[in-house]
Amino acid sequence: GMHQGTRLGEATLLRTLLKKRFGNLPDWADQKLNSATTEEMELWAGRMLDAERLDMVFD
């Protein structure tokens, strides 16, 4: 329903921002985004601002 649509929208936005910052995403990062909760994505979005490497966003 609507919650699923919101989650997909957040994943799309976060994926776009991560690509802009770190370049093309590896498969493992795509898989994490595809299965993430809204809460996880919000956490990662905050970490993305300070992370020097992609893996630091998800750790």
N, C-alpha and C. Protein backbone atom coordinates (compact mmCIF):
# COMPACT_ATOMS: atom_id res chain seq x y z
N GLY A 1 0.81 -1.19 0.00
CA GLY A 1 0.00 0.00 0.00
C GLY A 1 0.86 1.26 0.00
N MET A 2 0.37 2.24 0.71
CA MET A 2 1.05 3.53 0.74
C MET A 2 2.41 3.44 1.42
N HIS A 3 2.49 2.65 2.50
CA HIS A 3 3.77 2.50 3.21
C HIS A 3 4.83 1.92 2.29
N GLN A 4 4.46 0.92 1.50
CA GLN A 4 5.40 0.32 0.55
C GLN A 4 5.85 1.35 -0.48
N GLY A 5 4.94 2.17 -0.96
CA GLY A 5 5.28 3.21 -1.92
C GLY A 5 6.23 4.24 -1.34
N THR A 6 5.98 4.61 -0.08
CA THR A 6 6.86 5.56 0.60
C THR A 6 8.26 4.98 0.74
N ARG A 7 8.33 3.70 1.12
CA ARG A 7 9.63 3.05 1.30
C ARG A 7 10.39 2.99 -0.01
N LEU A 8 9.70 2.64 -1.09
CA LEU A 8 10.35 2.58 -2.40
C LEU A 8 10.83 3.95 -2.84
N GLY A 9 10.04 4.98 -2.56
CA GLY A 9 10.46 6.34 -2.89
C GLY A 9 11.70 6.75 -2.12
N GLU A 10 11.75 6.40 -0.84
CA GLU A 10 12.93 6.70 -0.03
C GLU A 10 14.15 5.96 -0.55
N ALA A 11 13.97 4.69 -0.92
CA ALA A 11 15.09 3.90 -1.44
C ALA A 11 15.62 4.51 -2.73
N THR A 12 14.71 4.96 -3.59
CA THR A 12 15.12 5.57 -4.86
C THR A 12 15.90 6.86 -4.61
N LEU A 13 15.40 7.69 -3.71
CA LEU A 13 16.08 8.94 -3.39
C LEU A 13 17.45 8.67 -2.78
N LEU A 14 17.51 7.77 -1.81
CA LEU A 14 18.78 7.47 -1.15
C LEU A 14 19.78 6.88 -2.15
N ARG A 15 19.31 6.01 -3.02
CA ARG A 15 20.18 5.41 -4.05
C ARG A 15 20.76 6.52 -4.95
N THR A 16 19.92 7.47 -5.35
CA THR A 16 20.37 8.58 -6.20
C THR A 16 21.44 9.41 -5.49
N LEU A 17 21.21 9.72 -4.23
CA LEU A 17 22.17 10.53 -3.47
C LEU A 17 23.48 9.78 -3.25
N LEU A 18 23.39 8.49 -2.95
CA LEU A 18 24.60 7.69 -2.75
C LEU A 18 25.42 7.60 -4.03
N LYS A 19 24.74 7.42 -5.16
CA LYS A 19 25.45 7.36 -6.45
C LYS A 19 26.15 8.68 -6.75
N LYS A 20 25.50 9.78 -6.44
CA LYS A 20 26.09 11.10 -6.69
C LYS A 20 27.34 11.29 -5.83
N ARG A 21 27.29 10.77 -4.62
CA ARG A 21 28.42 10.95 -3.68
C ARG A 21 29.54 9.95 -3.92
N PHE A 22 29.19 8.68 -4.17
CA PHE A 22 30.18 7.60 -4.19
C PHE A 22 30.35 6.92 -5.54
N GLY A 23 29.56 7.31 -6.54
CA GLY A 23 29.62 6.64 -7.84
C GLY A 23 28.69 5.43 -7.87
N ASN A 24 28.83 4.61 -8.90
CA ASN A 24 27.94 3.45 -9.05
C ASN A 24 28.00 2.55 -7.83
N LEU A 25 26.84 2.05 -7.43
CA LEU A 25 26.75 1.24 -6.22
C LEU A 25 27.01 -0.23 -6.53
N PRO A 26 27.77 -0.91 -5.67
CA PRO A 26 27.95 -2.35 -5.84
C PRO A 26 26.66 -3.10 -5.51
N ASP A 27 26.60 -4.36 -5.94
CA ASP A 27 25.40 -5.18 -5.72
C ASP A 27 25.01 -5.25 -4.25
N TRP A 28 25.99 -5.37 -3.36
CA TRP A 28 25.65 -5.51 -1.93
C TRP A 28 24.92 -4.27 -1.41
N ALA A 29 25.28 -3.11 -1.91
CA ALA A 29 24.61 -1.88 -1.46
C ALA A 29 23.18 -1.82 -2.00
N ASP A 30 23.01 -2.21 -3.26
CA ASP A 30 21.66 -2.27 -3.85
C ASP A 30 20.77 -3.23 -3.07
N GLN A 31 21.32 -4.39 -2.69
CA GLN A 31 20.54 -5.38 -1.94
C GLN A 31 20.12 -4.83 -0.59
N LYS A 32 21.03 -4.12 0.08
CA LYS A 32 20.68 -3.52 1.38
C LYS A 32 19.56 -2.50 1.22
N LEU A 33 19.66 -1.67 0.18
CA LEU A 33 18.61 -0.66 -0.05
C LEU A 33 17.28 -1.31 -0.37
N ASN A 34 17.29 -2.39 -1.15
CA ASN A 34 16.05 -3.06 -1.54
C ASN A 34 15.33 -3.70 -0.36
N SER A 35 16.07 -4.12 0.66
CA SER A 35 15.45 -4.82 1.79
C SER A 35 15.36 -3.95 3.05
N ALA A 36 15.73 -2.69 2.95
CA ALA A 36 15.81 -1.82 4.13
C ALA A 36 14.45 -1.36 4.62
N THR A 37 14.38 -1.12 5.91
CA THR A 37 13.21 -0.47 6.50
C THR A 37 13.36 1.05 6.34
N THR A 38 12.27 1.76 6.54
CA THR A 38 12.30 3.22 6.51
C THR A 38 13.29 3.74 7.55
N GLU A 39 13.29 3.13 8.73
CA GLU A 39 14.18 3.56 9.81
C GLU A 39 15.64 3.40 9.41
N GLU A 40 15.97 2.26 8.79
CA GLU A 40 17.35 2.04 8.34
C GLU A 40 17.76 3.09 7.32
N MET A 41 16.87 3.37 6.37
CA MET A 41 17.21 4.34 5.33
C MET A 41 17.42 5.73 5.92
N GLU A 42 16.63 6.10 6.92
CA GLU A 42 16.81 7.40 7.57
C GLU A 42 18.16 7.46 8.28
N LEU A 43 18.54 6.38 8.93
CA LEU A 43 19.84 6.29 9.59
C LEU A 43 20.97 6.44 8.57
N TRP A 44 20.88 5.70 7.48
CA TRP A 44 21.92 5.73 6.44
C TRP A 44 22.01 7.11 5.79
N ALA A 45 20.87 7.76 5.59
CA ALA A 45 20.87 9.10 4.98
C ALA A 45 21.65 10.07 5.86
N GLY A 46 21.49 9.96 7.17
CA GLY A 46 22.26 10.80 8.09
C GLY A 46 23.74 10.49 8.05
N ARG A 47 24.08 9.22 8.02
CA ARG A 47 25.49 8.81 7.98
C ARG A 47 26.17 9.22 6.68
N MET A 48 25.40 9.25 5.60
CA MET A 48 25.96 9.55 4.28
C MET A 48 26.65 10.91 4.27
N LEU A 49 26.16 11.83 5.08
CA LEU A 49 26.71 13.18 5.09
C LEU A 49 28.15 13.22 5.58
N ASP A 50 28.51 12.32 6.49
CA ASP A 50 29.85 12.32 7.08
C ASP A 50 30.74 11.19 6.58
N ALA A 51 30.17 10.20 5.93
CA ALA A 51 30.94 9.01 5.53
C ALA A 51 31.96 9.36 4.45
N GLU A 52 33.16 8.82 4.60
CA GLU A 52 34.20 9.00 3.60
C GLU A 52 34.14 7.91 2.53
N ARG A 53 33.56 6.77 2.90
CA ARG A 53 33.43 5.65 1.96
C ARG A 53 32.02 5.08 2.07
N LEU A 54 31.60 4.43 0.99
CA LEU A 54 30.25 3.85 0.95
C LEU A 54 30.01 2.88 2.10
N ASP A 55 30.97 2.00 2.39
CA ASP A 55 30.74 1.01 3.45
C ASP A 55 30.51 1.66 4.81
N MET A 56 31.02 2.87 5.02
CA MET A 56 30.81 3.56 6.29
C MET A 56 29.35 3.98 6.48
N VAL A 57 28.63 4.14 5.40
CA VAL A 57 27.20 4.50 5.48
C VAL A 57 26.41 3.35 6.11
N PHE A 58 26.77 2.12 5.74
CA PHE A 58 25.97 0.95 6.13
C PHE A 58 26.48 0.26 7.39
N ASP A 59 27.66 0.60 7.87
CA ASP A 59 28.23 -0.07 9.06
C ASP A 59 27.61 0.44 10.34
